[in-house]
Protein backbone atom coordinates (compact mmCIF):
# COMPACT_ATOMS: atom_id res chain seq x y z
CA MET A 1 7.97 -0.15 11.59
CA THR A 2 4.92 -0.08 9.37
CA THR A 3 1.45 -0.73 10.61
CA PRO A 4 -0.60 -3.34 8.80
CA VAL A 5 -3.17 -2.07 6.33
CA PRO A 6 -6.78 -3.00 7.10
CA GLY A 7 -7.98 -5.78 4.84
CA PRO A 8 -11.26 -6.71 3.23
CA ASP A 9 -12.69 -7.98 6.54
CA ALA A 10 -12.21 -4.52 8.06
CA ARG A 11 -13.97 -2.95 5.08
CA ILE A 12 -16.91 -5.33 5.48
CA ALA A 13 -17.04 -4.70 9.24
CA PHE A 14 -17.00 -0.93 8.66
CA ARG A 15 -19.86 -1.07 6.17
CA LEU A 16 -21.86 -3.42 8.38
CA GLY A 17 -21.26 -1.21 11.43
CA VAL A 18 -22.38 1.96 9.67
CA LEU A 19 -25.41 0.15 8.25
CA ALA A 20 -26.35 -1.27 11.66
CA ALA A 21 -25.93 2.14 13.32
CA SER A 22 -28.08 3.75 10.60
CA VAL A 23 -30.87 1.20 11.00
CA ALA A 24 -30.72 1.46 14.80
CA GLY A 25 -30.78 5.28 14.72
CA LEU A 26 -33.67 5.46 12.28
CA THR A 27 -35.58 2.80 14.22
CA ILE A 28 -35.21 4.77 17.44
CA LEU A 29 -36.24 7.98 15.65
CA ALA A 30 -39.33 6.27 14.19
CA TRP A 31 -40.21 4.82 17.60
CA LEU A 32 -39.92 8.25 19.24
CA LEU A 33 -42.11 9.79 16.54
CA ARG A 34 -44.70 7.01 16.78
CA SER A 35 -44.86 7.14 20.57
CA GLY A 36 -45.40 10.89 20.50
CA ALA A 37 -42.19 11.75 22.35
CA LEU A 38 -41.09 13.85 19.35
CA SER A 39 -43.18 16.14 17.20
CA VAL A 40 -42.93 15.87 13.44
CA THR A 41 -40.99 19.13 13.28
CA THR A 42 -38.47 17.92 15.84
CA GLY A 43 -38.22 14.58 14.06
CA VAL A 44 -37.39 16.29 10.77
CA TYR A 45 -34.78 18.43 12.56
CA VAL A 46 -33.20 15.34 14.11
CA ALA A 47 -33.21 13.50 10.77
CA VAL A 48 -31.75 16.41 8.78
CA ALA A 49 -29.37 18.08 11.24
CA LEU A 50 -28.42 15.58 13.94
CA PHE A 51 -28.51 12.19 12.18
CA PRO A 52 -25.58 13.01 9.83
CA VAL A 53 -23.51 14.11 12.83
CA TYR A 54 -24.37 10.82 14.56
CA LEU A 55 -23.22 8.89 11.48
CA LEU A 56 -19.94 10.85 11.39
CA VAL A 57 -19.27 9.95 15.03
CA VAL A 58 -20.07 6.29 14.33
CA ALA A 59 -17.80 6.27 11.27
CA SER A 60 -14.98 7.92 13.26
CA VAL A 61 -15.22 5.40 16.08
CA LEU A 62 -15.34 2.47 13.67
CA SER A 63 -12.41 3.75 11.62
CA VAL A 64 -10.19 4.06 14.69
CA TRP A 65 -11.31 0.67 16.02
CA LEU A 66 -10.70 -1.08 12.68
CA GLY A 67 -7.32 0.54 12.02
CA TYR A 68 -8.19 3.12 9.37
CA ASP A 69 -6.94 6.02 11.51
CA LYS A 70 -3.88 7.96 10.41
CA ASP A 71 -1.24 9.74 12.44
CA PRO A 72 1.14 12.56 11.47
CA THR A 73 3.81 10.07 10.33
CA ASP A 74 1.47 8.96 7.51
CA LEU A 75 1.43 12.45 5.98
CA ARG A 76 3.60 13.23 2.99
CA PRO A 77 4.44 16.68 1.63
CA VAL A 78 2.52 17.85 -1.40
CA TYR A 79 4.41 19.56 -4.20
CA ARG A 80 3.04 21.54 -7.11
CA SER A 81 4.40 20.89 -10.55
CA ARG A 82 5.48 23.97 -12.43
C-alpha cells in the first residue's frame, strides 16, 4: 500500500505555515525588545541562536502534519558505480 504524495496545497500550506511562524516569532521578539523584557544582547542571541532552532521545530511539525514525513520503508539502498 502506497501513501499518497502531498500535493500543491500541502506545499502552499507548508510555506504559509513557516512564514506565519516566522512573522509571529519575530513580532514577539521585537515586542520583548521594545518592552524592555530582553536586552539587546539577549535579543541578538535569541535571533541568531534560538530562532533557527524554532523554525526547524516548526518545519518538522508542519512536515509531519502535512504528510511529508518518511519512514524506514521509504529508504532505498544506495550503490556506488565502479
